[in-house]
């Protein structure tokens, strides 16, 4: 039986993540409050951000930028700025 969470991103009950995918307190917050569907949406945005901004995940500044964008997207409703991308209205 899959676990369900009240997803803060989707604002509804949905299938929760199977395990904590991100370390630390932010990872625990994501595990407890974000669904698989919302995490998949973030992964798409993350890939676009990394590619568009030519980010290097070995660079602490790039990782910090991406973490801030992730928290903003998942918990604060902030759409990351990706050149040429127009988000679909929910």
PDB file of N, CA and C in Angstrom:
ATOM      1  N   UNK A   1       0.847  -1.176   0.000  1.00  0.00           N
ATOM      2  CA  UNK A   1       0.000   0.000   0.000  1.00  0.00           C
ATOM      3  C   UNK A   1       0.895   1.243   0.000  1.00  0.00           C
ATOM      4  N   UNK A   2       0.632   2.159  -0.904  1.00  0.00           N
ATOM      5  CA  UNK A   2       1.453   3.361  -0.986  1.00  0.00           C
ATOM      6  C   UNK A   2       1.022   4.349   0.097  1.00  0.00           C
ATOM      7  N   UNK A   3       1.964   5.163   0.505  1.00  0.00           N
ATOM      8  CA  UNK A   3       1.664   6.157   1.534  1.00  0.00           C
ATOM      9  C   UNK A   3       1.130   7.419   0.867  1.00  0.00           C
ATOM     10  N   UNK A   4       0.227   8.073   1.536  1.00  0.00           N
ATOM     11  CA  UNK A   4      -0.336   9.306   0.998  1.00  0.00           C
ATOM     12  C   UNK A   4       0.049  10.474   1.900  1.00  0.00           C
ATOM     13  N   UNK A   5       0.123  11.640   1.290  1.00  0.00           N
ATOM     14  CA  UNK A   5       0.413  12.874   2.021  1.00  0.00           C
ATOM     15  C   UNK A   5      -0.545  13.939   1.513  1.00  0.00           C
ATOM     16  N   UNK A   6      -0.741  14.963   2.326  1.00  0.00           N
ATOM     17  CA  UNK A   6      -1.436  16.131   1.806  1.00  0.00           C
ATOM     18  C   UNK A   6      -0.358  16.975   1.144  1.00  0.00           C
ATOM     19  N   UNK A   7      -0.370  17.002  -0.177  1.00  0.00           N
ATOM     20  CA  UNK A   7       0.677  17.671  -0.940  1.00  0.00           C
ATOM     21  C   UNK A   7       0.445  19.185  -0.909  1.00  0.00           C
ATOM     22  N   UNK A   8       1.416  19.913  -0.362  1.00  0.00           N
ATOM     23  CA  UNK A   8       1.302  21.369  -0.296  1.00  0.00           C
ATOM     24  C   UNK A   8       1.368  22.004  -1.676  1.00  0.00           C
ATOM     25  N   UNK A   9       2.063  21.371  -2.600  1.00  0.00           N
ATOM     26  CA  UNK A   9       2.176  21.915  -3.954  1.00  0.00           C
ATOM     27  C   UNK A   9       0.858  21.765  -4.709  1.00  0.00           C
ATOM     28  N   UNK A  10       0.269  20.568  -4.663  1.00  0.00           N
ATOM     29  CA  UNK A  10      -0.972  20.301  -5.392  1.00  0.00           C
ATOM     30  C   UNK A  10      -2.218  20.691  -4.598  1.00  0.00           C
ATOM     31  N   UNK A  11      -2.051  20.909  -3.297  1.00  0.00           N
ATOM     32  CA  UNK A  11      -3.149  21.252  -2.402  1.00  0.00           C
ATOM     33  C   UNK A  11      -4.222  20.164  -2.377  1.00  0.00           C
ATOM     34  N   UNK A  12      -3.745  18.905  -2.313  1.00  0.00           N
ATOM     35  CA  UNK A  12      -4.671  17.768  -2.232  1.00  0.00           C
ATOM     36  C   UNK A  12      -3.927  16.533  -1.740  1.00  0.00           C
ATOM     37  N   UNK A  13      -4.682  15.511  -1.353  1.00  0.00           N
ATOM     38  CA  UNK A  13      -4.103  14.226  -0.975  1.00  0.00           C
ATOM     39  C   UNK A  13      -3.566  13.538  -2.230  1.00  0.00           C
ATOM     40  N   UNK A  14      -2.375  12.981  -2.109  1.00  0.00           N
ATOM     41  CA  UNK A  14      -1.766  12.298  -3.254  1.00  0.00           C
ATOM     42  C   UNK A  14      -0.730  11.304  -2.751  1.00  0.00           C
ATOM     43  N   UNK A  15      -0.276  10.423  -3.642  1.00  0.00           N
ATOM     44  CA  UNK A  15       0.750   9.444  -3.279  1.00  0.00           C
ATOM     45  C   UNK A  15       2.020  10.153  -2.847  1.00  0.00           C
ATOM     46  N   UNK A  16       2.530   9.750  -1.685  1.00  0.00           N
ATOM     47  CA  UNK A  16       3.755  10.330  -1.167  1.00  0.00           C
ATOM     48  C   UNK A  16       4.986   9.648  -1.740  1.00  0.00           C
ATOM     49  N   UNK A  17       6.127  10.266  -1.535  1.00  0.00           N
ATOM     50  CA  UNK A  17       7.393   9.692  -1.971  1.00  0.00           C
ATOM     51  C   UNK A  17       7.662   8.413  -1.183  1.00  0.00           C
ATOM     52  N   UNK A  18       8.384   7.480  -1.800  1.00  0.00           N
ATOM     53  CA  UNK A  18       8.671   6.204  -1.144  1.00  0.00           C
ATOM     54  C   UNK A  18       9.737   6.339  -0.066  1.00  0.00           C
ATOM     55  N   UNK A  19      10.641   7.283  -0.238  1.00  0.00           N
ATOM     56  CA  UNK A  19      11.695   7.524   0.747  1.00  0.00           C
ATOM     57  C   UNK A  19      12.186   8.957   0.591  1.00  0.00           C
ATOM     58  N   UNK A  20      12.958   9.415   1.558  1.00  0.00           N
ATOM     59  CA  UNK A  20      13.460  10.790   1.544  1.00  0.00           C
ATOM     60  C   UNK A  20      14.532  10.919   0.466  1.00  0.00           C
ATOM     61  N   UNK A  21      14.259  11.748  -0.535  1.00  0.00           N
ATOM     62  CA  UNK A  21      15.144  11.900  -1.689  1.00  0.00           C
ATOM     63  C   UNK A  21      16.167  13.008  -1.529  1.00  0.00           C
ATOM     64  N   UNK A  22      15.963  13.888  -0.574  1.00  0.00           N
ATOM     65  CA  UNK A  22      16.838  15.051  -0.395  1.00  0.00           C
ATOM     66  C   UNK A  22      17.273  15.076   1.065  1.00  0.00           C
ATOM     67  N   UNK A  23      18.521  15.415   1.342  1.00  0.00           N
ATOM     68  CA  UNK A  23      19.019  15.337   2.718  1.00  0.00           C
ATOM     69  C   UNK A  23      18.525  16.469   3.618  1.00  0.00           C
ATOM     70  N   UNK A  24      18.672  16.275   4.914  1.00  0.00           N
ATOM     71  CA  UNK A  24      18.445  17.323   5.891  1.00  0.00           C
ATOM     72  C   UNK A  24      16.994  17.659   6.166  1.00  0.00           C
ATOM     73  N   UNK A  25      16.821  18.825   6.803  1.00  0.00           N
ATOM     74  CA  UNK A  25      15.486  19.285   7.177  1.00  0.00           C
ATOM     75  C   UNK A  25      14.601  19.545   5.955  1.00  0.00           C
ATOM     76  N   UNK A  26      15.191  20.098   4.912  1.00  0.00           N
ATOM     77  CA  UNK A  26      14.407  20.342   3.694  1.00  0.00           C
ATOM     78  C   UNK A  26      13.935  19.011   3.115  1.00  0.00           C
ATOM     79  N   UNK A  27      14.798  18.013   3.134  1.00  0.00           N
ATOM     80  CA  UNK A  27      14.418  16.688   2.647  1.00  0.00           C
ATOM     81  C   UNK A  27      13.280  16.091   3.445  1.00  0.00           C
ATOM     82  N   UNK A  28      13.326  16.257   4.770  1.00  0.00           N
ATOM     83  CA  UNK A  28      12.237  15.755   5.620  1.00  0.00           C
ATOM     84  C   UNK A  28      10.945  16.497   5.310  1.00  0.00           C
ATOM     85  N   UNK A  29      11.033  17.804   5.120  1.00  0.00           N
ATOM     86  CA  UNK A  29       9.846  18.602   4.782  1.00  0.00           C
ATOM     87  C   UNK A  29       9.250  18.147   3.451  1.00  0.00           C
ATOM     88  N   UNK A  30      10.107  17.885   2.479  1.00  0.00           N
ATOM     89  CA  UNK A  30       9.644  17.403   1.172  1.00  0.00           C
ATOM     90  C   UNK A  30       8.984  16.033   1.327  1.00  0.00           C
ATOM     91  N   UNK A  31       9.634  15.134   2.048  1.00  0.00           N
ATOM     92  CA  UNK A  31       9.100  13.779   2.245  1.00  0.00           C
ATOM     93  C   UNK A  31       7.723  13.815   2.912  1.00  0.00           C
ATOM     94  N   UNK A  32       7.560  14.701   3.883  1.00  0.00           N
ATOM     95  CA  UNK A  32       6.301  14.771   4.637  1.00  0.00           C
ATOM     96  C   UNK A  32       5.183  15.526   3.919  1.00  0.00           C
ATOM     97  N   UNK A  33       5.529  16.418   2.972  1.00  0.00           N
ATOM     98  CA  UNK A  33       4.524  17.336   2.437  1.00  0.00           C
ATOM     99  C   UNK A  33       4.432  17.422   0.915  1.00  0.00           C
ATOM    100  N   UNK A  34       5.231  16.642   0.195  1.00  0.00           N
ATOM    101  CA  UNK A  34       5.237  16.736  -1.267  1.00  0.00           C
ATOM    102  C   UNK A  34       4.964  15.357  -1.872  1.00  0.00           C
ATOM    103  N   UNK A  35       4.115  15.326  -2.881  1.00  0.00           N
ATOM    104  CA  UNK A  35       3.740  14.065  -3.530  1.00  0.00           C
ATOM    105  C   UNK A  35       4.723  13.678  -4.629  1.00  0.00           C
ATOM    106  N   UNK A  36       4.586  12.436  -5.072  1.00  0.00           N
ATOM    107  CA  UNK A  36       5.397  11.964  -6.203  1.00  0.00           C
ATOM    108  C   UNK A  36       5.157  12.825  -7.446  1.00  0.00           C
ATOM    109  N   UNK A  37       3.907  13.169  -7.681  1.00  0.00           N
ATOM    110  CA  UNK A  37       3.548  13.975  -8.854  1.00  0.00           C
ATOM    111  C   UNK A  37       4.213  15.355  -8.803  1.00  0.00           C
ATOM    112  N   UNK A  38       4.162  16.001  -7.640  1.00  0.00           N
ATOM    113  CA  UNK A  38       4.777  17.318  -7.495  1.00  0.00           C
ATOM    114  C   UNK A  38       6.297  17.223  -7.619  1.00  0.00           C
ATOM    115  N   UNK A  39       6.889  16.164  -7.062  1.00  0.00           N
ATOM    116  CA  UNK A  39       8.341  15.983  -7.165  1.00  0.00           C
ATOM    117  C   UNK A  39       8.746  15.793  -8.628  1.00  0.00           C
ATOM    118  N   UNK A  40       7.956  15.057  -9.386  1.00  0.00           N
ATOM    119  CA  UNK A  40       8.241  14.862 -10.816  1.00  0.00           C
ATOM    120  C   UNK A  40       8.183  16.201 -11.558  1.00  0.00           C
ATOM    121  N   UNK A  41       7.228  17.055 -11.185  1.00  0.00           N
ATOM    122  CA  UNK A  41       7.147  18.388 -11.794  1.00  0.00           C
ATOM    123  C   UNK A  41       8.417  19.179 -11.497  1.00  0.00           C
ATOM    124  N   UNK A  42       8.864  19.105 -10.228  1.00  0.00           N
ATOM    125  CA  UNK A  42      10.092  19.818  -9.868  1.00  0.00           C
ATOM    126  C   UNK A  42      11.287  19.282 -10.658  1.00  0.00           C
ATOM    127  N   UNK A  43      11.380  17.983 -10.820  1.00  0.00           N
ATOM    128  CA  UNK A  43      12.518  17.401 -11.546  1.00  0.00           C
ATOM    129  C   UNK A  43      12.592  17.919 -12.976  1.00  0.00           C
ATOM    130  N   UNK A  44      11.450  18.119 -13.612  1.00  0.00           N
ATOM    131  CA  UNK A  44      11.435  18.696 -14.962  1.00  0.00           C
ATOM    132  C   UNK A  44      11.991  20.116 -14.937  1.00  0.00           C
ATOM    133  N   UNK A  45      11.525  20.921 -13.971  1.00  0.00           N
ATOM    134  CA  UNK A  45      11.994  22.305 -13.849  1.00  0.00           C
ATOM    135  C   UNK A  45      13.492  22.333 -13.524  1.00  0.00           C
ATOM    136  N   UNK A  46      13.900  21.446 -12.632  1.00  0.00           N
ATOM    137  CA  UNK A  46      15.301  21.380 -12.240  1.00  0.00           C
ATOM    138  C   UNK A  46      16.203  21.097 -13.442  1.00  0.00           C
ATOM    139  N   UNK A  47      15.798  20.159 -14.260  1.00  0.00           N
ATOM    140  CA  UNK A  47      16.572  19.818 -15.455  1.00  0.00           C
ATOM    141  C   UNK A  47      16.675  21.015 -16.392  1.00  0.00           C
ATOM    142  N   UNK A  48      15.555  21.715 -16.584  1.00  0.00           N
ATOM    143  CA  UNK A  48      15.573  22.897 -17.446  1.00  0.00           C
ATOM    144  C   UNK A  48      16.487  23.975 -16.875  1.00  0.00           C
ATOM    145  N   UNK A  49      16.422  24.193 -15.562  1.00  0.00           N
ATOM    146  CA  UNK A  49      17.270  25.205 -14.927  1.00  0.00           C
ATOM    147  C   UNK A  49      18.754  24.864 -15.072  1.00  0.00           C
ATOM    148  N   UNK A  50      19.104  23.621 -14.799  1.00  0.00           N
ATOM    149  CA  UNK A  50      20.502  23.194 -14.891  1.00  0.00           C
ATOM    150  C   UNK A  50      21.020  23.388 -16.303  1.00  0.00           C
ATOM    151  N   UNK A  51      20.229  22.990 -17.276  1.00  0.00           N
ATOM    152  CA  UNK A  51      20.654  23.113 -18.670  1.00  0.00           C
ATOM    153  C   UNK A  51      20.696  24.562 -19.136  1.00  0.00           C
ATOM    154  N   UNK A  52      19.654  25.324 -18.845  1.00  0.00           N
ATOM    155  CA  UNK A  52      19.565  26.705 -19.305  1.00  0.00           C
ATOM    156  C   UNK A  52      20.685  27.564 -18.719  1.00  0.00           C
ATOM    157  N   UNK A  53      20.949  27.380 -17.436  1.00  0.00           N
ATOM    158  CA  UNK A  53      21.939  28.208 -16.759  1.00  0.00           C
ATOM    159  C   UNK A  53      23.333  27.572 -16.755  1.00  0.00           C
ATOM    160  N   UNK A  54      23.452  26.416 -17.445  1.00  0.00           N
ATOM    161  CA  UNK A  54      24.737  25.707 -17.539  1.00  0.00           C
ATOM    162  C   UNK A  54      25.363  25.537 -16.151  1.00  0.00           C
ATOM    163  N   UNK A  55      24.562  25.011 -15.246  1.00  0.00           N
ATOM    164  CA  UNK A  55      24.980  24.860 -13.858  1.00  0.00           C
ATOM    165  C   UNK A  55      25.920  23.672 -13.687  1.00  0.00           C
ATOM    166  N   UNK A  56      26.805  23.802 -12.712  1.00  0.00           N
ATOM    167  CA  UNK A  56      27.734  22.741 -12.342  1.00  0.00           C
ATOM    168  C   UNK A  56      27.371  22.324 -10.921  1.00  0.00           C
ATOM    169  N   UNK A  57      26.919  21.103 -10.742  1.00  0.00           N
ATOM    170  CA  UNK A  57      26.465  20.652  -9.436  1.00  0.00           C
ATOM    171  C   UNK A  57      27.614  20.443  -8.450  1.00  0.00           C
ATOM    172  N   UNK A  58      28.852  20.581  -8.902  1.00  0.00           N
ATOM    173  CA  UNK A  58      29.998  20.564  -7.992  1.00  0.00           C
ATOM    174  C   UNK A  58      30.222  21.950  -7.390  1.00  0.00           C
ATOM    175  N   UNK A  59      29.592  22.970  -7.952  1.00  0.00           N
ATOM    176  CA  UNK A  59      29.737  24.348  -7.499  1.00  0.00           C
ATOM    177  C   UNK A  59      28.716  24.612  -6.381  1.00  0.00           C
ATOM    178  N   UNK A  60      29.195  24.957  -5.159  1.00  0.00           N
ATOM    179  CA  UNK A  60      28.266  25.201  -4.040  1.00  0.00           C
ATOM    180  C   UNK A  60      27.257  26.320  -4.322  1.00  0.00           C
ATOM    181  N   UNK A  61      27.660  27.347  -5.071  1.00  0.00           N
ATOM    182  CA  UNK A  61      26.727  28.433  -5.386  1.00  0.00           C
ATOM    183  C   UNK A  61      25.589  27.949  -6.277  1.00  0.00           C
ATOM    184  N   UNK A  62      25.904  27.094  -7.252  1.00  0.00           N
ATOM    185  CA  UNK A  62      24.873  26.551  -8.135  1.00  0.00           C
ATOM    186  C   UNK A  62      23.921  25.643  -7.356  1.00  0.00           C
ATOM    187  N   UNK A  63      24.465  24.841  -6.441  1.00  0.00           N
ATOM    188  CA  UNK A  63      23.611  23.967  -5.626  1.00  0.00           C
ATOM    189  C   UNK A  63      22.695  24.796  -4.714  1.00  0.00           C
ATOM    190  N   UNK A  64      23.227  25.867  -4.143  1.00  0.00           N
ATOM    191  CA  UNK A  64      22.420  26.729  -3.277  1.00  0.00           C
ATOM    192  C   UNK A  64      21.311  27.413  -4.080  1.00  0.00           C
ATOM    193  N   UNK A  65      21.641  27.887  -5.279  1.00  0.00           N
ATOM    194  CA  UNK A  65      20.639  28.506  -6.148  1.00  0.00           C
ATOM    195  C   UNK A  65      19.519  27.515  -6.452  1.00  0.00           C
ATOM    196  N   UNK A  66      19.891  26.283  -6.799  1.00  0.00           N
ATOM    197  CA  UNK A  66      18.916  25.260  -7.153  1.00  0.00           C
ATOM    198  C   UNK A  66      18.050  24.883  -5.946  1.00  0.00           C
ATOM    199  N   UNK A  67      18.660  24.805  -4.767  1.00  0.00           N
ATOM    200  CA  UNK A  67      17.897  24.492  -3.558  1.00  0.00           C
ATOM    201  C   UNK A  67      16.878  25.590  -3.262  1.00  0.00           C
ATOM    202  N   UNK A  68      17.283  26.839  -3.395  1.00  0.00           N
ATOM    203  CA  UNK A  68      16.349  27.955  -3.175  1.00  0.00           C
ATOM    204  C   UNK A  68      15.208  27.922  -4.193  1.00  0.00           C
ATOM    205  N   UNK A  69      15.530  27.614  -5.440  1.00  0.00           N
ATOM    206  CA  UNK A  69      14.497  27.512  -6.480  1.00  0.00           C
ATOM    207  C   UNK A  69      13.545  26.362  -6.168  1.00  0.00           C
ATOM    208  N   UNK A  70      14.076  25.243  -5.664  1.00  0.00           N
ATOM    209  CA  UNK A  70      13.257  24.076  -5.324  1.00  0.00           C
ATOM    210  C   UNK A  70      12.275  24.419  -4.202  1.00  0.00           C
ATOM    211  N   UNK A  71      12.768  25.032  -3.144  1.00  0.00           N
ATOM    212  CA  UNK A  71      11.902  25.399  -2.017  1.00  0.00           C
ATOM    213  C   UNK A  71      10.850  26.404  -2.485  1.00  0.00           C
ATOM    214  N   UNK A  72      11.266  27.385  -3.270  1.00  0.00           N
ATOM    215  CA  UNK A  72      10.322  28.360  -3.790  1.00  0.00           C
ATOM    216  C   UNK A  72       9.243  27.730  -4.648  1.00  0.00           C
ATOM    217  N   UNK A  73       9.631  26.788  -5.504  1.00  0.00           N
ATOM    218  CA  UNK A  73       8.679  26.129  -6.398  1.00  0.00           C
ATOM    219  C   UNK A  73       7.716  25.225  -5.620  1.00  0.00           C
ATOM    220  N   UNK A  74       8.255  24.374  -4.765  1.00  0.00           N
ATOM    221  CA  UNK A  74       7.426  23.377  -4.087  1.00  0.00           C
ATOM    222  C   UNK A  74       6.556  23.948  -2.968  1.00  0.00           C
ATOM    223  N   UNK A  75       7.064  24.960  -2.249  1.00  0.00           N
ATOM    224  CA  UNK A  75       6.354  25.420  -1.057  1.00  0.00           C
ATOM    225  C   UNK A  75       5.814  26.843  -1.140  1.00  0.00           C
ATOM    226  N   UNK A  76       6.339  27.652  -2.046  1.00  0.00           N
ATOM    227  CA  UNK A  76       5.925  29.054  -2.086  1.00  0.00           C
ATOM    228  C   UNK A  76       5.235  29.440  -3.396  1.00  0.00           C
ATOM    229  N   UNK A  77       5.077  28.491  -4.305  1.00  0.00           N
ATOM    230  CA  UNK A  77       4.393  28.760  -5.563  1.00  0.00           C
ATOM    231  C   UNK A  77       5.156  29.646  -6.523  1.00  0.00           C
ATOM    232  N   UNK A  78       6.469  29.721  -6.357  1.00  0.00           N
ATOM    233  CA  UNK A  78       7.289  30.562  -7.233  1.00  0.00           C
ATOM    234  C   UNK A  78       7.753  29.759  -8.441  1.00  0.00           C
ATOM    235  N   UNK A  79       7.390  30.230  -9.611  1.00  0.00           N
ATOM    236  CA  UNK A  79       7.810  29.580 -10.858  1.00  0.00           C
ATOM    237  C   UNK A  79       9.237  30.036 -11.179  1.00  0.00           C
ATOM    238  N   UNK A  80      10.171  29.088 -11.371  1.00  0.00           N
ATOM    239  CA  UNK A  80      11.536  29.509 -11.718  1.00  0.00           C
ATOM    240  C   UNK A  80      11.578  30.167 -13.092  1.00  0.00           C
ATOM    241  N   UNK A  81      12.472  31.149 -13.236  1.00  0.00           N
ATOM    242  CA  UNK A  81      12.606  31.845 -14.506  1.00  0.00           C
ATOM    243  C   UNK A  81      13.517  31.040 -15.426  1.00  0.00           C
ATOM    244  N   UNK A  82      12.928  30.539 -16.508  1.00  0.00           N
ATOM    245  CA  UNK A  82      13.664  29.766 -17.500  1.00  0.00           C
ATOM    246  C   UNK A  82      13.418  30.438 -18.839  1.00  0.00           C
ATOM    247  N   UNK A  83      14.478  30.933 -19.451  1.00  0.00           N
ATOM    248  CA  UNK A  83      14.353  31.689 -20.684  1.00  0.00           C
ATOM    249  C   UNK A  83      13.626  30.887 -21.763  1.00  0.00           C
ATOM    250  N   UNK A  84      12.610  31.486 -22.350  1.00  0.00           N
ATOM    251  CA  UNK A  84      11.874  30.845 -23.435  1.00  0.00           C
ATOM    252  C   UNK A  84      10.789  29.889 -22.988  1.00  0.00           C
ATOM    253  N   UNK A  85      10.674  29.631 -21.669  1.00  0.00           N
ATOM    254  CA  UNK A  85       9.665  28.702 -21.176  1.00  0.00           C
ATOM    255  C   UNK A  85       8.472  29.477 -20.649  1.00  0.00           C
ATOM    256  N   UNK A  86       7.295  29.097 -21.078  1.00  0.00           N
ATOM    257  CA  UNK A  86       6.065  29.716 -20.604  1.00  0.00           C
ATOM    258  C   UNK A  86       5.269  28.637 -19.864  1.00  0.00           C
ATOM    259  N   UNK A  87       5.087  28.791 -18.531  1.00  0.00           N
ATOM    260  CA  UNK A  87       4.387  27.764 -17.763  1.00  0.00           C
ATOM    261  C   UNK A  87       2.921  27.654 -18.150  1.00  0.00           C
ATOM    262  N   UNK A  88       2.390  26.451 -18.032  1.00  0.00           N
ATOM    263  CA  UNK A  88       0.975  26.196 -18.273  1.00  0.00           C
ATOM    264  C   UNK A  88       0.205  26.666 -17.054  1.00  0.00           C
ATOM    265  N   UNK A  89      -0.888  27.371 -17.263  1.00  0.00           N
ATOM    266  CA  UNK A  89      -1.718  27.823 -16.147  1.00  0.00           C
ATOM    267  C   UNK A  89      -2.406  26.632 -15.498  1.00  0.00           C
ATOM    268  N   UNK A  90      -2.375  26.603 -14.164  1.00  0.00           N
ATOM    269  CA  UNK A  90      -3.003  25.506 -13.428  1.00  0.00           C
ATOM    270  C   UNK A  90      -4.483  25.728 -13.306  1.00  0.00           C
TER     271      UNK A  90
END
